[in-house]
PDB file of N, CA and C in Angstrom:
ATOM      1  N   MET A   1       0.820  -1.196   0.000  1.00  0.00           N
ATOM      2  CA  MET A   1       0.000   0.000   0.000  1.00  0.00           C
ATOM      3  C   MET A   1       0.859   1.253   0.000  1.00  0.00           C
ATOM      4  N   GLY A   2       2.157   1.079   0.040  1.00  0.00           N
ATOM      5  CA  GLY A   2       3.024   2.238  -0.006  1.00  0.00           C
ATOM      6  C   GLY A   2       3.182   2.962   1.321  1.00  0.00           C
ATOM      7  N   GLN A   3       2.874   2.302   2.419  1.00  0.00           N
ATOM      8  CA  GLN A   3       2.983   2.920   3.737  1.00  0.00           C
ATOM      9  C   GLN A   3       3.795   2.026   4.680  1.00  0.00           C
ATOM     10  N   PRO A   4       5.015   1.645   4.340  1.00  0.00           N
ATOM     11  CA  PRO A   4       5.768   0.725   5.201  1.00  0.00           C
ATOM     12  C   PRO A   4       6.055   1.297   6.583  1.00  0.00           C
ATOM     13  N   GLU A   5       6.039   2.612   6.713  1.00  0.00           N
ATOM     14  CA  GLU A   5       6.318   3.223   8.016  1.00  0.00           C
ATOM     15  C   GLU A   5       5.222   2.944   9.035  1.00  0.00           C
ATOM     16  N   TRP A   6       4.027   2.583   8.589  1.00  0.00           N
ATOM     17  CA  TRP A   6       2.954   2.277   9.528  1.00  0.00           C
ATOM     18  C   TRP A   6       3.300   1.082  10.406  1.00  0.00           C
ATOM     19  N   ALA A   7       4.085   0.158   9.897  1.00  0.00           N
ATOM     20  CA  ALA A   7       4.435  -1.049  10.660  1.00  0.00           C
ATOM     21  C   ALA A   7       5.241  -0.731  11.908  1.00  0.00           C
ATOM     22  N   VAL A   8       5.984   0.364  11.907  1.00  0.00           N
ATOM     23  CA  VAL A   8       6.816   0.716  13.061  1.00  0.00           C
ATOM     24  C   VAL A   8       6.373   2.023  13.723  1.00  0.00           C
ATOM     25  N   ASP A   9       5.260   2.570  13.287  1.00  0.00           N
ATOM     26  CA  ASP A   9       4.746   3.823  13.827  1.00  0.00           C
ATOM     27  C   ASP A   9       4.175   3.597  15.225  1.00  0.00           C
ATOM     28  N   ALA A  10       4.694   4.319  16.198  1.00  0.00           N
ATOM     29  CA  ALA A  10       4.248   4.171  17.591  1.00  0.00           C
ATOM     30  C   ALA A  10       2.762   4.492  17.756  1.00  0.00           C
ATOM     31  N   ARG A  11       2.209   5.301  16.851  1.00  0.00           N
ATOM     32  CA  ARG A  11       0.779   5.633  16.950  1.00  0.00           C
ATOM     33  C   ARG A  11      -0.107   4.415  16.758  1.00  0.00           C
ATOM     34  N   PHE A  12       0.434   3.364  16.157  1.00  0.00           N
ATOM     35  CA  PHE A  12      -0.351   2.164  15.869  1.00  0.00           C
ATOM     36  C   PHE A  12       0.204   0.931  16.587  1.00  0.00           C
ATOM     37  N   ALA A  13       0.903   1.124  17.685  1.00  0.00           N
ATOM     38  CA  ALA A  13       1.578   0.033  18.389  1.00  0.00           C
ATOM     39  C   ALA A  13       0.617  -0.954  19.047  1.00  0.00           C
ATOM     40  N   THR A  14      -0.551  -0.489  19.468  1.00  0.00           N
ATOM     41  CA  THR A  14      -1.518  -1.375  20.117  1.00  0.00           C
ATOM     42  C   THR A  14      -2.846  -1.301  19.371  1.00  0.00           C
ATOM     43  N   ASN A  15      -3.684  -2.286  19.606  1.00  0.00           N
ATOM     44  CA  ASN A  15      -4.992  -2.278  18.956  1.00  0.00           C
ATOM     45  C   ASN A  15      -5.789  -1.044  19.367  1.00  0.00           C
ATOM     46  N   ALA A  16      -5.748  -0.698  20.639  1.00  0.00           N
ATOM     47  CA  ALA A  16      -6.479   0.481  21.115  1.00  0.00           C
ATOM     48  C   ALA A  16      -5.981   1.744  20.406  1.00  0.00           C
ATOM     49  N   ALA A  17      -4.680   1.845  20.212  1.00  0.00           N
ATOM     50  CA  ALA A  17      -4.117   3.008  19.521  1.00  0.00           C
ATOM     51  C   ALA A  17      -4.548   3.027  18.062  1.00  0.00           C
ATOM     52  N   ARG A  18      -4.569   1.856  17.423  1.00  0.00           N
ATOM     53  CA  ARG A  18      -4.998   1.798  16.018  1.00  0.00           C
ATOM     54  C   ARG A  18      -6.450   2.215  15.877  1.00  0.00           C
ATOM     55  N   VAL A  19      -7.288   1.770  16.800  1.00  0.00           N
ATOM     56  CA  VAL A  19      -8.710   2.118  16.749  1.00  0.00           C
ATOM     57  C   VAL A  19      -8.905   3.607  17.027  1.00  0.00           C
ATOM     58  N   SER A  20      -8.243   4.126  18.046  1.00  0.00           N
ATOM     59  CA  SER A  20      -8.442   5.540  18.409  1.00  0.00           C
ATOM     60  C   SER A  20      -7.914   6.483  17.338  1.00  0.00           C
ATOM     61  N   ARG A  21      -6.947   6.042  16.564  1.00  0.00           N
ATOM     62  CA  ARG A  21      -6.401   6.887  15.495  1.00  0.00           C
ATOM     63  C   ARG A  21      -7.001   6.537  14.140  1.00  0.00           C
ATOM     64  N   ASP A  22      -8.014   5.691  14.157  1.00  0.00           N
ATOM     65  CA  ASP A  22      -8.771   5.324  12.966  1.00  0.00           C
ATOM     66  C   ASP A  22      -7.886   4.831  11.818  1.00  0.00           C
ATOM     67  N   LEU A  23      -7.062   3.829  12.130  1.00  0.00           N
ATOM     68  CA  LEU A  23      -6.182   3.240  11.117  1.00  0.00           C
ATOM     69  C   LEU A  23      -6.978   2.685   9.947  1.00  0.00           C
ATOM     70  N   PHE A  24      -8.179   2.186  10.206  1.00  0.00           N
ATOM     71  CA  PHE A  24      -9.010   1.639   9.135  1.00  0.00           C
ATOM     72  C   PHE A  24      -9.255   2.675   8.041  1.00  0.00           C
ATOM     73  N   SER A  25      -9.544   3.906   8.422  1.00  0.00           N
ATOM     74  CA  SER A  25      -9.777   4.964   7.429  1.00  0.00           C
ATOM     75  C   SER A  25      -8.517   5.260   6.625  1.00  0.00           C
ATOM     76  N   LEU A  26      -7.364   5.247   7.291  1.00  0.00           N
ATOM     77  CA  LEU A  26      -6.110   5.475   6.582  1.00  0.00           C
ATOM     78  C   LEU A  26      -5.849   4.361   5.571  1.00  0.00           C
ATOM     79  N   ILE A  27      -6.137   3.123   5.964  1.00  0.00           N
ATOM     80  CA  ILE A  27      -5.961   1.984   5.062  1.00  0.00           C
ATOM     81  C   ILE A  27      -6.920   2.102   3.884  1.00  0.00           C
ATOM     82  N   ALA A  28      -8.162   2.481   4.156  1.00  0.00           N
ATOM     83  CA  ALA A  28      -9.151   2.629   3.087  1.00  0.00           C
ATOM     84  C   ALA A  28      -8.712   3.699   2.085  1.00  0.00           C
ATOM     85  N   GLN A  29      -8.179   4.805   2.582  1.00  0.00           N
ATOM     86  CA  GLN A  29      -7.699   5.862   1.694  1.00  0.00           C
ATOM     87  C   GLN A  29      -6.523   5.367   0.846  1.00  0.00           C
ATOM     88  N   ALA A  30      -5.613   4.643   1.458  1.00  0.00           N
ATOM     89  CA  ALA A  30      -4.452   4.123   0.736  1.00  0.00           C
ATOM     90  C   ALA A  30      -4.893   3.129  -0.339  1.00  0.00           C
ATOM     91  N   CYS A  31      -5.895   2.314  -0.031  1.00  0.00           N
ATOM     92  CA  CYS A  31      -6.387   1.333  -1.006  1.00  0.00           C
ATOM     93  C   CYS A  31      -7.038   2.026  -2.198  1.00  0.00           C
ATOM     94  N   LYS A  32      -7.731   3.119  -1.970  1.00  0.00           N
ATOM     95  CA  LYS A  32      -8.367   3.851  -3.061  1.00  0.00           C
ATOM     96  C   LYS A  32      -7.333   4.426  -4.021  1.00  0.00           C
ATOM     97  N   GLN A  33      -6.137   4.696  -3.507  1.00  0.00           N
ATOM     98  CA  GLN A  33      -5.090   5.277  -4.333  1.00  0.00           C
ATOM     99  C   GLN A  33      -4.378   4.231  -5.188  1.00  0.00           C
ATOM    100  N   LEU A  34      -4.555   2.957  -4.859  1.00  0.00           N
ATOM    101  CA  LEU A  34      -3.917   1.911  -5.656  1.00  0.00           C
ATOM    102  C   LEU A  34      -4.609   1.808  -7.005  1.00  0.00           C
ATOM    103  N   THR A  35      -3.847   1.800  -8.065  1.00  0.00           N
ATOM    104  CA  THR A  35      -4.440   1.660  -9.393  1.00  0.00           C
ATOM    105  C   THR A  35      -4.501   0.209  -9.817  1.00  0.00           C
ATOM    106  N   GLU A  36      -3.682  -0.628  -9.205  1.00  0.00           N
ATOM    107  CA  GLU A  36      -3.661  -2.042  -9.563  1.00  0.00           C
ATOM    108  C   GLU A  36      -3.266  -2.857  -8.344  1.00  0.00           C
ATOM    109  N   TRP A  37      -4.024  -3.909  -8.084  1.00  0.00           N
ATOM    110  CA  TRP A  37      -3.700  -4.804  -6.979  1.00  0.00           C
ATOM    111  C   TRP A  37      -2.794  -5.910  -7.506  1.00  0.00           C
ATOM    112  N   PRO A  38      -1.600  -6.053  -6.972  1.00  0.00           N
ATOM    113  CA  PRO A  38      -0.742  -7.147  -7.430  1.00  0.00           C
ATOM    114  C   PRO A  38      -1.289  -8.485  -6.961  1.00  0.00           C
ATOM    115  N   SER A  39      -1.229  -9.434  -7.841  1.00  0.00           N
ATOM    116  CA  SER A  39      -1.679 -10.770  -7.481  1.00  0.00           C
ATOM    117  C   SER A  39      -0.618 -11.432  -6.603  1.00  0.00           C
ATOM    118  N   PRO A  40      -1.025 -12.202  -5.605  1.00  0.00           N
ATOM    119  CA  PRO A  40      -0.031 -12.906  -4.774  1.00  0.00           C
ATOM    120  C   PRO A  40       0.883 -13.796  -5.615  1.00  0.00           C
ATOM    121  N   ILE A  41       0.353 -14.353  -6.684  1.00  0.00           N
ATOM    122  CA  ILE A  41       1.178 -15.200  -7.553  1.00  0.00           C
ATOM    123  C   ILE A  41       2.229 -14.349  -8.265  1.00  0.00           C
ATOM    124  N   GLU A  42       1.837 -13.169  -8.734  1.00  0.00           N
ATOM    125  CA  GLU A  42       2.794 -12.285  -9.410  1.00  0.00           C
ATOM    126  C   GLU A  42       3.897 -11.841  -8.464  1.00  0.00           C
ATOM    127  N   THR A  43       3.534 -11.507  -7.243  1.00  0.00           N
ATOM    128  CA  THR A  43       4.544 -11.032  -6.299  1.00  0.00           C
ATOM    129  C   THR A  43       5.449 -12.167  -5.841  1.00  0.00           C
ATOM    130  N   ALA A  44       4.982 -13.393  -5.910  1.00  0.00           N
ATOM    131  CA  ALA A  44       5.810 -14.538  -5.537  1.00  0.00           C
ATOM    132  C   ALA A  44       6.675 -15.000  -6.702  1.00  0.00           C
ATOM    133  N   ALA A  45       6.452 -14.446  -7.890  1.00  0.00           N
ATOM    134  CA  ALA A  45       7.214 -14.783  -9.101  1.00  0.00           C
ATOM    135  C   ALA A  45       7.133 -16.277  -9.415  1.00  0.00           C
ATOM    136  N   ARG A  46       5.939 -16.818  -9.306  1.00  0.00           N
ATOM    137  CA  ARG A  46       5.719 -18.224  -9.635  1.00  0.00           C
ATOM    138  C   ARG A  46       4.941 -18.310 -10.944  1.00  0.00           C
ATOM    139  N   PRO A  47       5.276 -19.278 -11.779  1.00  0.00           N
ATOM    140  CA  PRO A  47       4.505 -19.441 -13.015  1.00  0.00           C
ATOM    141  C   PRO A  47       3.067 -19.831 -12.698  1.00  0.00           C
ATOM    142  N   SER A  48       2.136 -19.279 -13.442  1.00  0.00           N
ATOM    143  CA  SER A  48       0.724 -19.602 -13.204  1.00  0.00           C
ATOM    144  C   SER A  48      -0.081 -19.304 -14.465  1.00  0.00           C
ATOM    145  N   THR A  49      -1.331 -19.721 -14.426  1.00  0.00           N
ATOM    146  CA  THR A  49      -2.272 -19.414 -15.509  1.00  0.00           C
ATOM    147  C   THR A  49      -3.498 -18.769 -14.883  1.00  0.00           C
ATOM    148  N   PRO A  50      -4.256 -17.989 -15.647  1.00  0.00           N
ATOM    149  CA  PRO A  50      -5.468 -17.375 -15.100  1.00  0.00           C
ATOM    150  C   PRO A  50      -6.477 -18.432 -14.637  1.00  0.00           C
ATOM    151  N   THR A  51      -7.213 -18.096 -13.608  1.00  0.00           N
ATOM    152  CA  THR A  51      -8.241 -18.989 -13.095  1.00  0.00           C
ATOM    153  C   THR A  51      -9.602 -18.500 -13.548  1.00  0.00           C
ATOM    154  N   GLN A  52     -10.412 -19.416 -14.049  1.00  0.00           N
ATOM    155  CA  GLN A  52     -11.773 -19.050 -14.436  1.00  0.00           C
ATOM    156  C   GLN A  52     -12.713 -19.409 -13.304  1.00  0.00           C
ATOM    157  N   ILE A  53     -13.567 -18.459 -12.991  1.00  0.00           N
ATOM    158  CA  ILE A  53     -14.534 -18.688 -11.907  1.00  0.00           C
ATOM    159  C   ILE A  53     -15.911 -18.818 -12.491  1.00  0.00           C
TER     160      ILE A  53
END
């Protein structure tokens, strides 16, 4: 999501801190900014074929 600093940010160290600082809204905003979601297979660099559902 382009926010690696959140993992070590003291503002989000505990669940209570994450809730009080509304981390969910920050995550939602970051997700809206993504233009493409990488597939787990693509990021793992494993050969694959598309799946039909």
